[in-house]
N, C-alpha and C. Protein backbone atom coordinates (compact mmCIF):
# COMPACT_ATOMS: atom_id res chain seq x y z
N UNK A 1 105.81 99.00 124.73
CA UNK A 1 104.94 99.12 124.03
C UNK A 1 104.86 99.74 122.51
N UNK A 2 104.65 98.97 121.13
CA UNK A 2 104.73 100.18 120.16
C UNK A 2 103.48 100.89 120.30
N UNK A 3 103.16 102.20 119.36
CA UNK A 3 102.04 102.72 119.58
C UNK A 3 101.42 102.72 118.07
N UNK A 4 100.07 102.53 118.08
CA UNK A 4 99.35 101.97 116.72
C UNK A 4 99.58 103.56 116.19
N UNK A 5 99.25 103.19 114.56
CA UNK A 5 99.77 103.62 113.69
C UNK A 5 98.35 103.47 112.66
N UNK A 6 97.88 104.86 112.25
CA UNK A 6 96.40 105.13 111.64
C UNK A 6 96.67 104.39 109.82
N UNK A 7 95.57 104.08 109.24
CA UNK A 7 95.65 103.55 108.37
C UNK A 7 94.19 104.50 107.66
N UNK A 8 94.69 105.16 106.18
CA UNK A 8 93.65 105.96 105.55
C UNK A 8 93.96 105.01 104.22
N UNK A 9 92.74 105.35 103.19
CA UNK A 9 93.12 105.00 101.46
C UNK A 9 93.31 106.40 101.03
N UNK A 10 94.04 106.31 100.07
CA UNK A 10 94.61 107.33 99.55
C UNK A 10 93.58 107.30 98.11
N UNK A 11 93.29 108.60 97.38
CA UNK A 11 92.77 108.40 96.39
C UNK A 11 92.73 107.96 95.32
N UNK A 12 91.77 106.93 94.32
CA UNK A 12 92.02 105.84 93.45
C UNK A 12 92.89 106.24 92.30
N UNK A 13 93.72 105.61 91.99
CA UNK A 13 94.50 105.57 90.88
C UNK A 13 94.18 104.61 90.01
N UNK A 14 94.22 104.91 88.95
CA UNK A 14 93.55 104.30 87.59
C UNK A 14 94.91 104.16 86.44
N UNK A 15 95.45 103.11 86.94
CA UNK A 15 96.51 102.80 85.92
C UNK A 15 95.96 101.77 84.82
N UNK A 16 96.42 101.57 83.54
CA UNK A 16 96.04 100.70 82.74
C UNK A 16 94.72 100.30 82.46
N UNK A 17 94.17 100.91 82.96
CA UNK A 17 92.73 100.07 83.07
C UNK A 17 91.89 99.62 84.27
N UNK A 18 92.90 99.37 85.33
CA UNK A 18 92.25 99.16 86.59
C UNK A 18 92.49 100.17 87.66
N UNK A 19 91.93 100.05 88.81
CA UNK A 19 91.71 101.12 89.66
C UNK A 19 92.72 100.18 91.05
N UNK A 20 94.03 100.59 91.36
CA UNK A 20 94.60 100.44 92.11
C UNK A 20 94.15 100.99 93.89
N UNK A 21 93.89 100.31 94.57
CA UNK A 21 93.68 100.42 96.05
C UNK A 21 94.52 100.18 97.01
N UNK A 22 95.26 100.77 97.35
CA UNK A 22 96.05 100.20 98.61
C UNK A 22 95.98 101.30 99.85
N UNK A 23 96.37 100.66 100.71
CA UNK A 23 95.94 101.18 102.56
C UNK A 23 97.31 102.18 102.30
N UNK A 24 97.56 103.51 103.07
CA UNK A 24 98.87 104.22 103.44
C UNK A 24 98.76 104.41 104.55
N UNK A 25 99.94 104.79 105.33
CA UNK A 25 100.09 105.45 106.20
C UNK A 25 99.39 106.76 107.09
N UNK A 26 98.10 106.89 107.76
CA UNK A 26 98.45 108.20 107.92
C UNK A 26 98.44 109.31 108.84
N UNK A 27 98.32 110.65 108.87
CA UNK A 27 98.93 111.45 109.93
C UNK A 27 98.31 111.14 111.35
N UNK A 28 97.01 110.54 111.61
CA UNK A 28 96.59 110.30 112.88
C UNK A 28 95.33 109.59 113.08
N UNK A 29 94.70 109.43 114.31
CA UNK A 29 92.96 109.15 113.75
C UNK A 29 92.52 109.86 113.26
N UNK A 30 91.22 109.83 112.91
CA UNK A 30 90.07 110.87 113.20
C UNK A 30 89.34 110.65 114.58
N UNK A 31 88.55 112.06 115.07
CA UNK A 31 87.80 112.57 116.25
C UNK A 31 86.80 111.55 116.09
N UNK A 32 86.26 110.94 115.04
CA UNK A 32 85.01 110.08 114.79
C UNK A 32 85.59 108.57 114.75
N UNK A 33 86.99 108.15 114.73
CA UNK A 33 87.31 106.83 115.07
C UNK A 33 87.46 106.93 116.28
N UNK A 34 87.98 107.90 117.10
CA UNK A 34 88.12 107.92 118.36
C UNK A 34 86.89 107.85 119.28
N UNK A 35 85.90 108.27 118.97
CA UNK A 35 84.36 108.44 119.85
C UNK A 35 84.23 106.92 119.40
N UNK A 36 84.27 106.17 118.44
CA UNK A 36 83.58 104.68 118.14
C UNK A 36 84.10 104.26 118.97
N UNK A 37 85.46 104.58 119.47
CA UNK A 37 86.47 103.04 119.76
C UNK A 37 86.19 103.92 121.84
N UNK A 38 85.56 104.60 121.78
CA UNK A 38 85.13 105.16 122.97
C UNK A 38 86.20 105.66 123.63
N UNK A 39 87.18 107.01 123.16
CA UNK A 39 88.12 107.48 123.69
C UNK A 39 87.86 109.02 123.41
N UNK A 40 88.34 109.92 124.22
CA UNK A 40 88.10 111.30 123.82
C UNK A 40 89.44 111.95 123.41
N UNK A 41 89.51 113.24 122.75
CA UNK A 41 90.69 113.66 122.49
C UNK A 41 91.71 113.38 123.42
N UNK A 42 91.45 113.97 124.87
CA UNK A 42 92.13 114.38 125.53
C UNK A 42 92.85 112.96 126.38
N UNK A 43 91.77 111.68 126.11
CA UNK A 43 92.31 110.42 126.60
C UNK A 43 93.19 110.39 125.67
N UNK A 44 93.16 110.37 124.52
CA UNK A 44 93.89 110.30 123.26
C UNK A 44 95.39 110.17 123.12
N UNK A 45 95.46 111.58 123.78
CA UNK A 45 96.18 112.32 123.49
C UNK A 45 97.21 112.17 124.50
N UNK A 46 96.74 111.95 126.01
CA UNK A 46 97.72 111.44 127.01
C UNK A 46 97.97 109.99 126.86
N UNK A 47 97.33 108.69 126.01
CA UNK A 47 98.07 107.67 125.64
C UNK A 47 98.90 107.42 124.26
N UNK A 48 99.11 108.45 124.09
CA UNK A 48 100.10 109.27 123.26
C UNK A 48 99.90 108.79 121.50
N UNK A 49 98.51 109.04 121.23
CA UNK A 49 98.14 108.36 119.98
C UNK A 49 98.01 109.78 119.10
N UNK A 50 98.58 109.74 117.35
CA UNK A 50 98.31 111.16 117.08
C UNK A 50 96.90 111.29 116.32
N UNK A 51 96.71 112.00 116.82
CA UNK A 51 95.34 112.95 116.03
C UNK A 51 95.37 113.95 114.79
N UNK A 52 94.62 113.61 113.38
CA UNK A 52 94.21 113.87 112.54
C UNK A 52 93.18 114.81 112.60
N UNK A 53 92.89 116.09 113.07
CA UNK A 53 91.54 117.06 112.85
C UNK A 53 90.98 117.36 111.65
N UNK A 54 91.71 116.99 110.53
CA UNK A 54 91.62 117.60 109.43
C UNK A 54 90.41 116.04 108.30
N UNK A 55 91.17 114.88 109.24
CA UNK A 55 90.10 113.71 108.43
C UNK A 55 89.00 113.91 109.22
N UNK A 56 88.16 113.24 108.51
CA UNK A 56 86.20 113.12 108.62
C UNK A 56 85.89 111.93 108.38
N UNK A 57 86.83 110.83 107.76
CA UNK A 57 86.85 109.50 107.19
C UNK A 57 86.32 108.84 108.71
N UNK A 58 85.80 107.81 108.84
CA UNK A 58 85.70 106.61 109.56
C UNK A 58 86.30 104.89 109.43
N UNK A 59 87.34 105.03 109.54
CA UNK A 59 87.72 103.38 109.22
C UNK A 59 87.55 102.30 109.89
N UNK A 60 86.77 101.23 110.00
CA UNK A 60 86.61 100.26 110.73
C UNK A 60 87.77 99.38 111.46
N UNK A 61 89.05 99.34 110.09
CA UNK A 61 90.18 98.55 110.91
C UNK A 61 91.10 99.76 111.62
N UNK A 62 91.15 100.76 112.00
CA UNK A 62 91.36 102.06 112.48
C UNK A 62 90.70 101.97 114.05
N UNK A 63 89.24 101.70 114.14
CA UNK A 63 88.54 101.50 115.53
C UNK A 63 89.38 100.45 115.65
N UNK A 64 89.00 99.12 115.08
CA UNK A 64 89.81 97.85 115.77
C UNK A 64 91.43 97.91 116.28
N UNK A 65 92.14 98.94 115.68
CA UNK A 65 93.34 98.89 116.04
C UNK A 65 93.19 99.79 117.28
N UNK A 66 92.49 101.05 117.84
CA UNK A 66 92.73 101.73 118.90
C UNK A 66 92.11 100.87 119.98
N UNK A 67 90.91 99.83 119.82
CA UNK A 67 90.64 99.14 120.68
C UNK A 67 91.68 98.30 121.40
N UNK A 68 92.57 97.36 120.26
CA UNK A 68 93.14 96.14 120.87
C UNK A 68 94.23 97.14 121.41
N UNK A 69 94.85 98.09 121.29
CA UNK A 69 95.86 99.28 121.81
C UNK A 69 95.46 99.28 123.12
N UNK A 70 93.74 100.02 123.96
CA UNK A 70 93.89 99.96 124.91
C UNK A 70 93.30 98.82 125.79
N UNK A 71 93.29 97.66 124.74
CA UNK A 71 92.74 96.44 125.23
C UNK A 71 94.16 95.64 125.73
N UNK A 72 95.34 96.21 125.58
CA UNK A 72 96.89 95.58 125.63
C UNK A 72 97.27 96.69 126.90
N UNK A 73 96.84 98.02 127.10
CA UNK A 73 96.66 98.83 128.14
C UNK A 73 95.91 98.44 129.22
N UNK A 74 95.46 98.33 129.61
CA UNK A 74 94.31 97.37 130.09
C UNK A 74 94.79 96.39 130.93
N UNK A 75 95.48 95.10 129.66
CA UNK A 75 96.06 94.60 130.33
C UNK A 75 97.21 94.24 131.05
N UNK A 76 98.42 95.05 130.60
CA UNK A 76 99.50 95.57 131.48
C UNK A 76 99.24 96.36 132.48
N UNK A 77 98.12 97.21 132.96
CA UNK A 77 98.36 97.68 133.54
C UNK A 77 97.71 96.65 134.88
N UNK A 78 96.51 95.70 134.46
CA UNK A 78 95.79 94.83 135.65
C UNK A 78 97.41 93.85 135.99
N UNK A 79 97.99 93.53 135.07
CA UNK A 79 99.02 92.75 135.38
C UNK A 79 100.36 93.04 136.22
N UNK A 80 100.07 94.55 136.52
CA UNK A 80 101.32 95.23 137.49
C UNK A 80 100.51 95.35 138.91
N UNK A 81 99.65 95.20 138.50
CA UNK A 81 98.99 95.45 139.98
C UNK A 81 98.85 94.38 141.07
N UNK A 82 99.36 93.85 142.29
CA UNK A 82 99.15 92.27 142.53
C UNK A 82 97.63 92.42 143.43
N UNK A 83 97.17 91.33 143.32
CA UNK A 83 96.35 91.29 143.94
C UNK A 83 94.68 91.67 144.17
């Protein structure tokens, strides 16, 4: 299973009178996002998630990515155990 990648918003760029807003790939999930998803830093490291300790922002999209990843892991673990 592929590990999730955090997304962050770069600073707004103003080009030709309009603001360009795009997501970019981040260094890792913020500690606040992990807490919102119900994980501790140690649990996230055990799962192989990357953590960016410098980032303070919390993006709902990243929280959903973490929750989906945890759900997939729980789903695969329950399928492996017989009856």
